[in-house]
N, C-alpha and C. Protein backbone atom coordinates (compact mmCIF):
# COMPACT_ATOMS: atom_id res chain seq x y z
N MET A 1 43.88 29.52 83.78
CA MET A 1 42.47 29.60 83.38
C MET A 1 42.47 30.34 82.30
N GLN A 2 43.13 30.86 81.83
CA GLN A 2 43.14 31.58 80.66
C GLN A 2 43.26 30.66 79.46
N ILE A 3 44.41 29.83 79.80
CA ILE A 3 44.75 28.84 78.59
C ILE A 3 43.82 27.79 78.28
N ARG A 4 42.79 27.68 79.34
CA ARG A 4 41.64 26.47 79.65
C ARG A 4 40.45 27.48 78.82
N ASN A 5 40.29 28.65 79.00
CA ASN A 5 39.19 29.22 78.07
C ASN A 5 39.65 29.54 76.34
N SER A 6 40.84 29.48 76.23
CA SER A 6 41.57 29.50 74.59
C SER A 6 41.16 28.04 73.90
N ARG A 7 41.43 27.41 74.86
CA ARG A 7 41.10 26.05 74.68
C ARG A 7 39.42 25.59 74.13
N ARG A 8 38.95 26.00 75.03
CA ARG A 8 37.44 25.79 74.88
C ARG A 8 37.11 26.48 73.35
N TRP A 9 37.39 27.72 73.57
CA TRP A 9 36.87 28.65 72.41
C TRP A 9 37.76 27.84 70.86
N ALA A 10 38.83 27.38 71.25
CA ALA A 10 39.50 26.72 69.80
C ALA A 10 38.47 25.87 69.65
N ALA A 11 38.40 24.86 70.60
CA ALA A 11 37.30 23.53 70.53
C ALA A 11 35.87 23.82 69.93
N ALA A 12 35.30 25.04 70.20
CA ALA A 12 33.76 25.50 69.84
C ALA A 12 34.23 25.79 68.43
N LEU A 13 34.99 26.59 67.66
CA LEU A 13 35.55 26.86 66.66
C LEU A 13 36.00 26.15 65.85
N ILE A 14 36.66 24.63 66.29
CA ILE A 14 36.78 23.58 65.08
C ILE A 14 35.41 22.81 64.88
N LEU A 15 34.28 22.67 66.08
CA LEU A 15 33.31 22.07 66.04
C LEU A 15 32.49 22.64 65.07
N ALA A 16 32.34 24.23 65.34
CA ALA A 16 31.59 24.83 64.25
C ALA A 16 31.74 24.66 62.93
N ALA A 17 33.54 24.96 62.56
CA ALA A 17 33.88 24.59 61.07
C ALA A 17 33.22 23.38 60.78
N ALA A 18 33.57 22.32 61.68
CA ALA A 18 33.21 20.95 61.13
C ALA A 18 31.87 20.83 60.95
N THR A 19 31.06 21.44 61.84
CA THR A 19 29.50 21.35 61.48
C THR A 19 29.09 21.83 59.93
N ALA A 20 29.67 23.15 60.03
CA ALA A 20 29.49 23.84 58.54
C ALA A 20 30.06 22.87 57.24
N MET A 21 31.20 22.34 57.50
CA MET A 21 31.81 21.94 56.35
C MET A 21 30.86 20.24 55.96
N SER A 22 30.08 19.91 57.43
CA SER A 22 29.33 18.77 56.68
C SER A 22 28.14 19.16 55.96
N TYR A 23 27.50 19.94 55.58
CA TYR A 23 25.99 20.29 55.15
C TYR A 23 26.65 19.88 53.82
N ALA A 24 25.78 19.21 52.97
CA ALA A 24 25.74 18.59 51.66
C ALA A 24 25.26 19.88 50.95
N GLN A 25 24.53 20.45 51.27
CA GLN A 25 23.81 21.80 50.58
C GLN A 25 23.35 22.92 51.24
N TRP A 26 24.10 23.93 50.78
CA TRP A 26 23.44 25.14 51.19
C TRP A 26 22.34 25.89 50.37
N THR A 27 21.69 25.46 49.67
CA THR A 27 20.72 25.81 49.20
C THR A 27 19.43 25.04 49.20
N ASN A 28 18.36 25.58 48.88
CA ASN A 28 17.21 24.74 49.01
C ASN A 28 16.87 24.10 47.56
N PRO A 29 16.73 22.81 47.40
CA PRO A 29 16.61 22.25 46.57
C PRO A 29 15.22 22.58 45.56
N ALA A 30 14.50 23.33 46.10
CA ALA A 30 13.15 23.26 45.57
C ALA A 30 13.48 24.78 45.08
N ASP A 31 14.62 25.58 45.16
CA ASP A 31 14.89 26.80 45.00
C ASP A 31 15.46 26.30 43.34
N GLU A 32 16.07 25.58 43.12
CA GLU A 32 16.92 25.35 41.96
C GLU A 32 16.15 24.98 40.61
N ILE A 33 16.45 25.25 39.17
CA ILE A 33 16.02 25.01 38.27
C ILE A 33 15.89 23.96 37.54
N PRO A 34 15.43 23.10 37.23
CA PRO A 34 15.63 22.09 36.64
C PRO A 34 16.46 21.78 35.31
N ALA A 35 17.17 20.89 34.93
CA ALA A 35 18.09 21.11 33.56
C ALA A 35 17.00 21.49 32.24
N TYR A 36 17.78 22.16 31.83
CA TYR A 36 16.71 22.44 30.06
C TYR A 36 17.93 23.18 29.44
N HIS A 37 17.97 23.46 28.22
CA HIS A 37 19.18 24.13 27.23
C HIS A 37 17.97 25.36 26.98
N SER A 38 19.21 26.77 27.07
CA SER A 38 18.29 27.98 26.83
C SER A 38 18.59 28.39 25.38
N ALA A 39 18.91 27.33 24.14
CA ALA A 39 18.40 27.56 22.82
C ALA A 39 18.09 26.24 21.93
N ALA A 40 17.31 26.34 21.03
CA ALA A 40 16.94 25.48 20.11
C ALA A 40 17.97 24.44 19.49
N PRO A 41 18.01 23.09 19.74
CA PRO A 41 19.02 22.26 19.33
C PRO A 41 19.45 23.07 17.77
N LEU A 42 20.76 22.56 17.75
CA LEU A 42 21.27 22.94 16.35
C LEU A 42 20.41 22.00 15.32
N LYS A 43 20.43 20.42 15.88
CA LYS A 43 20.02 19.73 14.85
C LYS A 43 18.90 18.66 15.40
N VAL A 44 17.55 18.90 15.20
CA VAL A 44 16.61 17.68 16.14
C VAL A 44 16.86 16.82 16.04
N SER A 45 17.29 16.51 14.29
CA SER A 45 18.12 15.10 13.90
C SER A 45 18.72 14.43 14.71
N SER A 46 19.28 15.08 15.44
CA SER A 46 20.62 13.98 16.03
C SER A 46 20.22 14.10 17.42
N LEU A 47 18.90 14.37 17.81
CA LEU A 47 18.61 13.82 18.98
C LEU A 47 17.63 12.68 19.23
N PRO A 48 17.70 11.94 20.35
CA PRO A 48 16.91 10.87 20.02
C PRO A 48 14.87 11.02 19.90
N PRO A 49 14.41 10.31 19.36
CA PRO A 49 12.95 10.68 18.77
C PRO A 49 12.19 10.63 19.92
N ILE A 50 11.24 11.63 19.50
CA ILE A 50 10.00 11.23 20.70
C ILE A 50 9.38 10.23 20.15
N LEU A 51 8.56 9.26 20.89
CA LEU A 51 8.08 7.87 20.66
C LEU A 51 6.85 8.66 19.80
N SER A 52 6.87 7.89 18.85
CA SER A 52 5.69 8.21 17.88
C SER A 52 5.08 7.06 17.18
N GLY A 53 3.91 7.23 16.54
CA GLY A 53 3.13 6.42 15.64
C GLY A 53 3.01 5.09 16.39
N PRO A 54 3.46 3.88 15.96
CA PRO A 54 3.17 2.43 16.51
C PRO A 54 3.44 2.29 17.80
N LYS A 55 4.60 3.06 18.11
CA LYS A 55 5.24 2.82 19.67
C LYS A 55 4.17 3.50 20.67
N LEU A 56 3.14 4.19 20.22
CA LEU A 56 2.03 4.63 21.21
C LEU A 56 0.85 3.63 21.37
N THR A 57 1.32 2.95 21.71
CA THR A 57 0.34 1.42 22.05
C THR A 57 1.04 0.66 23.25
N GLY A 58 -0.22 -0.15 23.70
CA GLY A 58 0.80 -0.91 24.81
C GLY A 58 0.19 -0.42 25.93
N ASP A 59 0.80 -1.65 26.85
CA ASP A 59 0.21 -0.97 28.50
C ASP A 59 0.32 0.35 29.20
N ASN A 60 1.37 1.00 28.44
CA ASN A 60 1.80 2.14 28.80
C ASN A 60 0.75 3.49 28.58
N PHE A 61 0.45 2.91 27.12
CA PHE A 61 -0.93 4.07 26.73
C PHE A 61 -2.15 3.63 27.04
N ARG A 62 -2.53 3.48 28.17
CA ARG A 62 -4.10 3.15 28.22
C ARG A 62 -5.11 3.81 28.05
N TYR A 63 -4.83 5.12 28.42
CA TYR A 63 -5.17 6.78 28.51
C TYR A 63 -5.37 7.37 26.98
N PRO A 64 -6.29 7.85 26.68
CA PRO A 64 -6.31 8.42 25.74
C PRO A 64 -5.25 9.78 25.84
N TRP A 65 -5.26 10.65 26.93
CA TRP A 65 -4.24 11.72 27.23
C TRP A 65 -2.95 11.23 26.59
N GLN A 66 -2.48 9.88 27.10
CA GLN A 66 -0.94 9.57 27.16
C GLN A 66 -0.80 9.77 25.38
N LYS A 67 -1.23 9.21 24.48
CA LYS A 67 -1.26 8.99 23.36
C LYS A 67 -0.99 10.44 22.93
N HIS A 68 -2.07 11.45 23.16
CA HIS A 68 -2.24 12.81 23.02
C HIS A 68 -1.09 13.64 23.23
N VAL A 69 -0.53 13.31 24.75
CA VAL A 69 0.63 14.21 25.07
C VAL A 69 1.56 13.85 24.04
N TYR A 70 2.16 12.83 23.55
CA TYR A 70 3.17 12.56 22.85
C TYR A 70 3.17 13.13 21.40
N GLU A 71 1.62 12.84 20.87
CA GLU A 71 1.45 13.40 19.44
C GLU A 71 1.53 14.70 19.50
N ASP A 72 1.29 15.32 20.76
CA ASP A 72 1.86 17.07 20.60
C ASP A 72 2.98 17.07 21.03
N ALA A 73 3.80 16.50 21.62
CA ALA A 73 5.02 16.73 22.06
C ALA A 73 6.19 16.44 20.90
N ALA A 74 5.65 15.74 20.08
CA ALA A 74 6.66 15.52 18.30
C ALA A 74 6.28 16.97 17.62
N LYS A 75 5.30 17.50 17.71
CA LYS A 75 5.20 18.32 17.16
C LYS A 75 6.13 19.71 17.73
N ILE A 76 6.08 19.80 18.59
CA ILE A 76 6.99 21.34 19.13
C ILE A 76 8.27 21.02 19.84
N SER A 77 8.96 19.35 19.62
CA SER A 77 10.05 18.71 20.16
C SER A 77 11.60 20.05 20.51
N SER A 78 11.28 20.99 19.80
CA SER A 78 12.91 21.85 19.76
C SER A 78 12.31 22.85 20.74
N VAL A 79 11.36 23.34 21.20
CA VAL A 79 10.30 23.99 22.43
C VAL A 79 10.53 23.08 23.60
N LEU A 80 10.17 21.83 23.37
CA LEU A 80 10.47 20.85 24.62
C LEU A 80 11.82 21.05 25.32
N TYR A 81 12.81 20.84 24.20
CA TYR A 81 14.33 20.77 24.51
C TYR A 81 14.73 22.05 25.41
N GLN A 82 14.08 23.24 25.44
CA GLN A 82 14.33 24.43 25.88
C GLN A 82 13.51 24.63 27.31
N LEU A 83 12.91 23.48 27.74
CA LEU A 83 11.88 23.58 29.03
C LEU A 83 12.50 22.70 30.03
N PRO A 84 12.46 23.12 31.39
CA PRO A 84 12.75 22.35 32.75
C PRO A 84 11.05 21.43 32.63
N CYS A 85 11.49 20.12 33.36
CA CYS A 85 10.97 19.37 34.26
C CYS A 85 10.68 19.56 35.32
N ASN A 86 9.64 19.90 36.25
CA ASN A 86 9.22 20.08 37.58
C ASN A 86 9.39 18.71 38.26
N CYS A 87 9.32 17.59 37.55
CA CYS A 87 9.25 16.40 38.35
C CYS A 87 10.90 15.91 38.71
N ARG A 88 11.78 16.85 38.57
CA ARG A 88 13.04 16.84 38.61
C ARG A 88 13.63 15.24 38.15
N CYS A 89 13.19 14.68 36.92
CA CYS A 89 13.63 13.81 36.53
C CYS A 89 14.98 13.69 35.90
N ASP A 90 15.83 15.10 36.13
CA ASP A 90 17.15 15.60 35.83
C ASP A 90 17.77 14.82 36.46
N ARG A 91 17.31 14.96 37.81
CA ARG A 91 18.58 14.11 38.83
C ARG A 91 18.01 12.41 38.83
N ALA A 92 16.99 11.87 38.98
CA ALA A 92 16.62 10.84 38.99
C ALA A 92 17.02 9.83 37.97
N LEU A 93 16.55 10.33 36.28
CA LEU A 93 16.77 9.80 35.35
C LEU A 93 17.78 10.50 34.44
N GLY A 94 18.43 11.25 35.04
CA GLY A 94 19.13 12.11 33.63
C GLY A 94 18.94 12.96 32.49
N HIS A 95 17.59 13.24 32.73
CA HIS A 95 16.92 13.83 31.77
C HIS A 95 17.49 15.42 31.36
N THR A 96 17.95 15.55 30.12
CA THR A 96 18.17 17.22 30.44
C THR A 96 17.07 18.19 29.75
N SER A 97 15.79 17.91 29.76
CA SER A 97 15.08 18.81 29.47
C SER A 97 13.63 18.12 29.37
N LEU A 98 12.76 18.92 29.05
CA LEU A 98 11.19 18.45 29.35
C LEU A 98 11.15 17.22 28.09
N ARG A 99 11.86 17.77 27.30
CA ARG A 99 11.96 16.79 25.97
C ARG A 99 12.58 15.26 26.07
N SER A 100 13.31 15.32 26.97
CA SER A 100 13.49 13.60 27.12
C SER A 100 12.78 12.99 27.89
N CYS A 101 11.71 13.46 28.55
CA CYS A 101 10.53 12.73 28.91
C CYS A 101 9.81 11.98 27.96
N PHE A 102 9.84 12.56 26.79
CA PHE A 102 8.87 12.08 25.60
C PHE A 102 9.86 11.09 24.81
N GLU A 103 10.94 10.79 25.08
CA GLU A 103 11.97 10.07 24.42
C GLU A 103 11.82 8.63 24.87
N GLY A 104 11.13 8.42 26.10
CA GLY A 104 10.95 6.99 26.39
C GLY A 104 9.70 7.04 26.76
N LEU A 105 9.26 6.21 27.88
CA LEU A 105 7.95 6.36 28.16
C LEU A 105 7.65 7.13 29.52
N HIS A 106 8.81 7.69 29.82
CA HIS A 106 8.47 8.30 30.97
C HIS A 106 7.56 9.24 31.25
N GLY A 107 6.92 10.43 30.11
CA GLY A 107 5.90 10.66 29.86
C GLY A 107 4.52 10.17 30.12
N THR A 108 4.43 9.02 29.81
CA THR A 108 3.23 8.33 30.19
C THR A 108 3.04 7.98 31.44
N GLU A 109 3.74 7.86 32.27
CA GLU A 109 4.06 7.31 33.66
C GLU A 109 3.42 8.80 34.93
N CYS A 110 4.08 9.72 34.42
CA CYS A 110 4.10 11.15 35.35
C CYS A 110 3.23 11.85 34.94
N SER A 111 2.44 12.53 35.68
CA SER A 111 1.28 13.47 35.45
C SER A 111 1.98 14.88 35.18
N THR A 112 3.21 15.30 35.94
CA THR A 112 3.89 16.62 35.73
C THR A 112 4.67 16.57 34.15
N CYS A 113 4.93 15.74 33.76
CA CYS A 113 5.80 15.74 32.84
C CYS A 113 4.46 15.77 31.48
N ALA A 114 3.56 15.18 31.40
CA ALA A 114 2.26 15.27 30.34
C ALA A 114 1.89 16.64 30.71
N LYS A 115 1.68 17.05 32.09
CA LYS A 115 0.82 18.26 32.34
C LYS A 115 1.80 19.36 31.26
N GLU A 116 2.70 19.42 31.94
CA GLU A 116 4.03 20.37 31.40
C GLU A 116 4.15 20.49 29.74
N GLY A 117 4.15 18.89 29.28
CA GLY A 117 4.22 19.13 27.67
C GLY A 117 3.16 19.19 26.86
N LEU A 118 1.77 19.18 27.26
CA LEU A 118 0.44 19.68 27.10
C LEU A 118 0.12 21.34 27.29
N PHE A 119 1.01 21.80 28.31
CA PHE A 119 0.96 22.97 28.47
C PHE A 119 1.94 23.94 27.65
N ALA A 120 2.88 23.33 27.64
CA ALA A 120 3.86 23.72 26.60
C ALA A 120 3.44 23.86 25.11
N TYR A 121 2.63 22.87 24.31
CA TYR A 121 1.97 22.75 22.79
C TYR A 121 0.85 23.75 23.20
N GLN A 122 0.04 23.89 23.81
CA GLN A 122 -1.06 25.20 24.27
C GLN A 122 -0.57 26.54 23.94
N GLN A 123 0.78 26.71 24.56
CA GLN A 123 1.54 27.87 24.88
C GLN A 123 1.97 28.52 23.66
N THR A 124 2.90 27.30 22.80
CA THR A 124 3.37 27.32 21.64
C THR A 124 2.30 27.76 20.30
N LYS A 125 1.21 27.44 21.00
CA LYS A 125 0.10 27.74 19.32
C LYS A 125 -0.33 28.87 20.03
N ALA A 126 -0.40 29.31 21.32
CA ALA A 126 -0.94 30.63 21.35
C ALA A 126 0.20 31.52 20.86
N GLY A 127 1.51 31.24 21.09
CA GLY A 127 2.59 32.30 20.36
C GLY A 127 3.34 32.68 21.35
N LYS A 128 3.52 32.19 22.49
CA LYS A 128 4.41 32.17 23.28
C LYS A 128 5.64 31.74 23.21
N THR A 129 6.91 32.37 23.74
CA THR A 129 7.85 32.07 23.27
C THR A 129 8.56 31.16 24.42
N PRO A 130 9.52 30.12 23.99
CA PRO A 130 10.29 29.01 24.94
C PRO A 130 10.46 29.90 26.20
N ALA A 131 10.72 31.12 26.57
CA ALA A 131 11.37 31.85 27.73
C ALA A 131 10.13 32.46 28.22
N GLN A 132 9.21 32.29 27.92
CA GLN A 132 7.64 32.99 28.60
C GLN A 132 7.15 31.43 28.74
N ILE A 133 6.87 30.45 28.00
CA ILE A 133 6.68 29.30 28.85
C ILE A 133 7.39 28.77 29.71
N ARG A 134 8.79 28.77 29.73
CA ARG A 134 9.57 28.31 30.97
C ARG A 134 9.30 29.28 32.14
N ALA A 135 9.00 30.72 32.39
CA ALA A 135 8.65 31.39 33.14
C ALA A 135 7.20 30.63 33.75
N ALA A 136 6.47 30.34 32.79
CA ALA A 136 5.16 29.95 33.56
C ALA A 136 5.18 28.75 34.09
N ILE A 137 6.18 28.06 33.41
CA ILE A 137 6.18 26.39 34.29
C ILE A 137 6.80 26.84 35.66
N ALA A 138 7.74 27.74 35.90
CA ALA A 138 8.75 27.89 36.98
C ALA A 138 7.40 28.36 38.06
N HIS A 139 6.34 29.14 37.48
CA HIS A 139 5.08 29.39 38.25
C HIS A 139 3.84 28.12 38.71
N HIS A 140 4.35 27.43 37.96
CA HIS A 140 3.32 25.82 38.17
C HIS A 140 1.83 26.12 37.24
N ASP A 141 2.13 27.03 36.54
CA ASP A 141 0.60 27.28 35.98
C ASP A 141 0.30 25.95 34.92
N TYR A 142 0.98 25.01 34.66
CA TYR A 142 0.91 23.88 34.10
C TYR A 142 -0.07 22.84 35.01
N GLU A 143 -0.15 23.16 36.43
CA GLU A 143 -0.77 22.26 37.28
C GLU A 143 -2.27 22.08 36.98
N SER A 144 -2.89 23.01 36.42
CA SER A 144 -4.27 23.28 36.19
C SER A 144 -4.73 22.42 35.01
N ILE A 145 -4.00 21.85 34.39
CA ILE A 145 -4.29 21.18 32.84
C ILE A 145 -5.02 20.05 33.24
N PRO A 146 -5.93 19.72 33.06
CA PRO A 146 -7.08 18.41 33.07
C PRO A 146 -6.23 17.25 31.92
N LEU A 147 -5.64 16.13 32.45
CA LEU A 147 -5.23 15.45 31.21
C LEU A 147 -6.40 14.61 31.14
N GLU A 148 -7.22 14.18 31.89
CA GLU A 148 -8.46 12.97 31.69
C GLU A 148 -9.38 13.73 30.36
N ASN A 149 -9.23 14.88 30.56
CA ASN A 149 -10.07 15.73 29.49
C ASN A 149 -9.36 15.62 27.93
N GLN A 150 -8.39 15.40 27.88
CA GLN A 150 -7.75 15.45 26.25
C GLN A 150 -7.83 13.95 25.35
C-alpha cells in the first residue's frame, strides 16, 4: 500500500513538472516593453532613411495625416530611435524601435505607429526627453491623438 502511494505521488510530481515545463511563457506579453534603443544612434546616417519627399505619394499616402506624420518623423529621427512601438511590430516585422515604422510603409497602415510618431514629435517640441516620451507612451498617452485633424 505504501509503495502504491509513493508511486502515485511520484507520478503526480512528474505530471506537475511536465505541465510547468510545457508553458511557453511565464510572463504576460502585455507587460513586456517593445523593442527600442536606450540611447541615440552614433550615426543617424548609417540607419535606413525615413521615407521622405517624392516617396510620400501613391496609394499608401491617401490621407494628409500620413504624409504629415512621416514629415514630422524625419525631423526627430534620433528620438524615434529611442522609443518603443506599442503595435508590437518588433515581433511581427522585426522592427527595433518606433523609427523602423517610418523607414517603410508601416507607419501609413498602422494608427498606433502614426499616433506615437506624432505624439513623439509634439512632445519633443515641448521639450520632453526621449525617456519622458517613452514613459508617456507606456501610459498610452498617444492614444488621444486625432490623426484626421492633421
